[in-house]
Structures are given as C-alpha cells and as structure tokens.
Amino acid sequence: MILNQRFIELGEGYGDVYELCELIKSNSDRLHRTFILSSETPPGHALSLAAAFEPANDGKFMPIYICREGIIQQNTIKSKRRLLFEETAEKVGSTPAVIELKNSSVFAETELFYQYTIGILRINKLLPPLR
C-alpha cells in the first residue's frame, strides 16, 4: 500500500547525476522505473532525469529522485549526463521512459509542477495509483 509519492530534488550538475546513478545502483532491488522528462524551452529541450523507488520495508512512501531540467539538449546528440544515466539504468535492467511535459517555469510553484508530473506518470501507468 502506497500512501505518498513525492519528488526529492537533487541538483542539476554532474555530481548530482552521479549521485542519482549511485542511488540507482545501490538500490537496484527497489528500483521501480527510470524517467527522462523533456520540456520545450527557447534554448532547446530541458531534460530532467528521475528514478522512482519502491517503498522501503513496510514503508508507505515512494520516493522519486530527480535532477530537474539541468540538461539542455539542442539537437539529437545526447549529453554525457544523459548517456551516463541511461547506461546506469540499463545496467540494472531499466529502460528510461521518455515523457514530454510542460516546463516547470509554467507553474507558479515547483510543487504544482511535481503534482502535474505525478499525475501524468500515473495516467500513463508509469507510477502505481495510490492505494
């Protein structure tokens, strides 16, 4: 039974992506799914890298760790951070789902962006419904 799904924001830099990759590797038995969230911006697509984990033990909390919109992709060439994330996910048996979303700047508060994103992921059956 899951009572709460919430984003936990890491930073946008290389070190943060390495941290996210380390979370994936060290918690591979709890990994639910990985995501590449993309939004259109004037300089290019802003990419967010995220990983959702099953609740720990008998917990009722599903954490979704995210590096929000820290990568700008202007063409089809993938950045080193994206490649590192995809490689790490695939090593533990997860293919990141690529989802097109509105940019977080459209929302008055970051929390509203996260609620919107969780709704999109649930509608597409990429996150389980709350039970």
Protein backbone atom coordinates (compact mmCIF):
# COMPACT_ATOMS: atom_id res chain seq x y z
CA MET A 1 0.00 0.00 0.00
CA ILE A 2 1.44 3.34 -1.08
CA LEU A 3 0.18 6.41 0.72
CA ASN A 4 2.55 9.00 -0.69
CA GLN A 5 4.60 9.58 -3.83
CA ARG A 6 6.90 12.58 -3.75
CA PHE A 7 9.76 14.04 -5.73
CA ILE A 8 13.05 14.56 -3.92
CA GLU A 9 15.04 17.11 -5.85
CA LEU A 10 18.76 16.72 -6.31
CA GLY A 11 20.73 19.45 -8.10
CA GLU A 12 21.36 19.96 -11.81
CA GLY A 13 25.11 19.34 -12.15
CA TYR A 14 27.33 16.38 -12.94
CA GLY A 15 27.77 15.50 -9.26
CA ASP A 16 24.00 15.31 -8.82
CA VAL A 17 23.59 12.97 -11.80
CA TYR A 18 26.38 10.79 -10.36
CA GLU A 19 24.50 10.74 -7.05
CA LEU A 20 21.28 9.73 -8.83
CA CYS A 21 23.16 6.96 -10.66
CA GLU A 22 24.65 5.75 -7.38
CA LEU A 23 21.16 5.65 -5.83
CA ILE A 24 20.01 3.52 -8.77
CA LYS A 25 22.95 1.12 -8.45
CA SER A 26 22.85 0.77 -4.67
CA ASN A 27 19.04 0.39 -4.55
CA SER A 28 18.56 -1.62 -7.74
CA ASP A 29 16.40 -4.14 -5.87
CA ARG A 30 13.93 -1.32 -5.03
CA LEU A 31 14.03 0.49 -8.39
CA HIS A 32 10.54 0.87 -9.81
CA ARG A 33 11.30 2.81 -13.00
CA THR A 34 13.54 5.48 -14.52
CA PHE A 35 12.43 8.55 -16.47
CA ILE A 36 13.76 11.19 -18.81
CA LEU A 37 11.32 14.08 -18.62
CA SER A 38 11.61 16.54 -21.50
CA SER A 39 10.12 20.02 -21.92
CA GLU A 40 10.40 22.52 -24.76
CA THR A 41 12.26 25.76 -23.94
CA PRO A 42 13.64 28.52 -26.22
CA PRO A 43 17.27 27.22 -25.98
CA GLY A 44 16.21 23.59 -26.57
CA HIS A 45 14.70 20.65 -24.69
CA ALA A 46 15.22 20.87 -20.92
CA LEU A 47 15.74 17.34 -19.61
CA SER A 48 15.05 16.06 -16.12
CA LEU A 49 16.45 12.70 -15.06
CA ALA A 50 14.44 10.79 -12.44
CA ALA A 51 14.19 7.43 -10.72
CA ALA A 52 11.26 6.08 -8.70
CA PHE A 53 11.85 3.53 -5.96
CA GLU A 54 9.53 1.09 -4.22
CA PRO A 55 8.81 1.89 -0.57
CA ALA A 56 11.46 0.72 1.90
CA ASN A 57 10.50 -2.27 4.07
CA ASP A 58 6.94 -1.70 5.30
CA GLY A 59 7.03 2.00 4.45
CA LYS A 60 4.24 3.69 2.59
CA PHE A 61 6.36 6.31 0.82
CA MET A 62 7.52 6.03 -2.81
CA PRO A 63 10.43 8.44 -3.40
CA ILE A 64 11.13 9.80 -6.86
CA TYR A 65 14.61 11.33 -7.03
CA ILE A 66 15.04 13.96 -9.75
CA CYS A 67 17.67 16.19 -11.33
CA ARG A 68 15.25 18.82 -12.65
CA GLU A 69 15.80 20.49 -16.02
CA GLY A 70 19.56 20.70 -15.68
CA ILE A 71 20.37 19.42 -19.17
CA ILE A 72 19.57 21.39 -22.33
CA GLN A 73 19.51 19.27 -25.47
CA GLN A 74 19.51 21.31 -28.67
CA ASN A 75 19.73 18.51 -31.21
CA THR A 76 19.73 14.72 -31.35
CA ILE A 77 23.20 14.40 -29.79
CA LYS A 78 22.82 13.11 -26.23
CA SER A 79 24.78 14.78 -23.43
CA LYS A 80 27.29 12.87 -21.31
CA ARG A 81 25.00 13.16 -18.28
CA ARG A 82 22.06 11.66 -20.18
CA LEU A 83 24.25 8.85 -21.54
CA LEU A 84 25.58 8.11 -18.04
CA PHE A 85 22.03 7.97 -16.67
CA GLU A 86 20.76 5.71 -19.48
CA GLU A 87 23.78 3.42 -19.14
CA THR A 88 23.32 3.09 -15.37
CA ALA A 89 19.59 2.40 -15.72
CA GLU A 90 20.16 -0.24 -18.37
CA LYS A 91 22.82 -1.98 -16.23
CA VAL A 92 20.16 -2.64 -13.59
CA GLY A 93 17.52 -3.65 -16.14
CA SER A 94 15.58 -0.41 -16.57
CA THR A 95 14.98 1.43 -19.83
CA PRO A 96 14.15 5.07 -19.04
CA ALA A 97 10.68 6.14 -20.15
CA VAL A 98 10.91 9.39 -22.12
CA ILE A 99 7.98 11.70 -21.34
CA GLU A 100 7.22 15.13 -22.85
CA LEU A 101 5.92 17.60 -20.23
CA LYS A 102 5.32 21.29 -19.68
CA ASN A 103 8.36 23.13 -18.33
CA SER A 104 8.36 23.81 -14.58
CA SER A 105 8.62 27.56 -15.30
CA VAL A 106 4.97 27.44 -16.47
CA PHE A 107 3.87 26.71 -12.90
CA ALA A 108 3.65 29.27 -10.10
CA GLU A 109 5.32 26.85 -7.68
CA THR A 110 7.63 23.88 -8.14
CA GLU A 111 5.27 21.74 -6.03
CA LEU A 112 2.50 22.28 -8.62
CA PHE A 113 4.88 21.08 -11.34
CA TYR A 114 5.58 17.94 -9.32
CA GLN A 115 1.86 17.26 -8.75
CA TYR A 116 1.26 17.69 -12.50
CA THR A 117 4.17 15.34 -13.30
CA ILE A 118 2.98 12.64 -10.87
CA GLY A 119 -0.48 12.88 -12.47
CA ILE A 120 0.98 12.41 -15.97
CA LEU A 121 3.06 9.44 -14.80
CA ARG A 122 0.04 7.81 -13.11
CA ILE A 123 -2.23 8.35 -16.14
CA ASN A 124 0.37 6.61 -18.30
CA LYS A 125 0.64 3.78 -15.73
CA LEU A 126 4.32 4.54 -15.13
CA LEU A 127 3.66 5.02 -11.41
CA PRO A 128 1.20 2.93 -9.42
CA PRO A 129 -2.03 4.54 -8.19
CA LEU A 130 -2.30 5.40 -4.53
CA ARG A 131 -3.95 2.60 -2.59
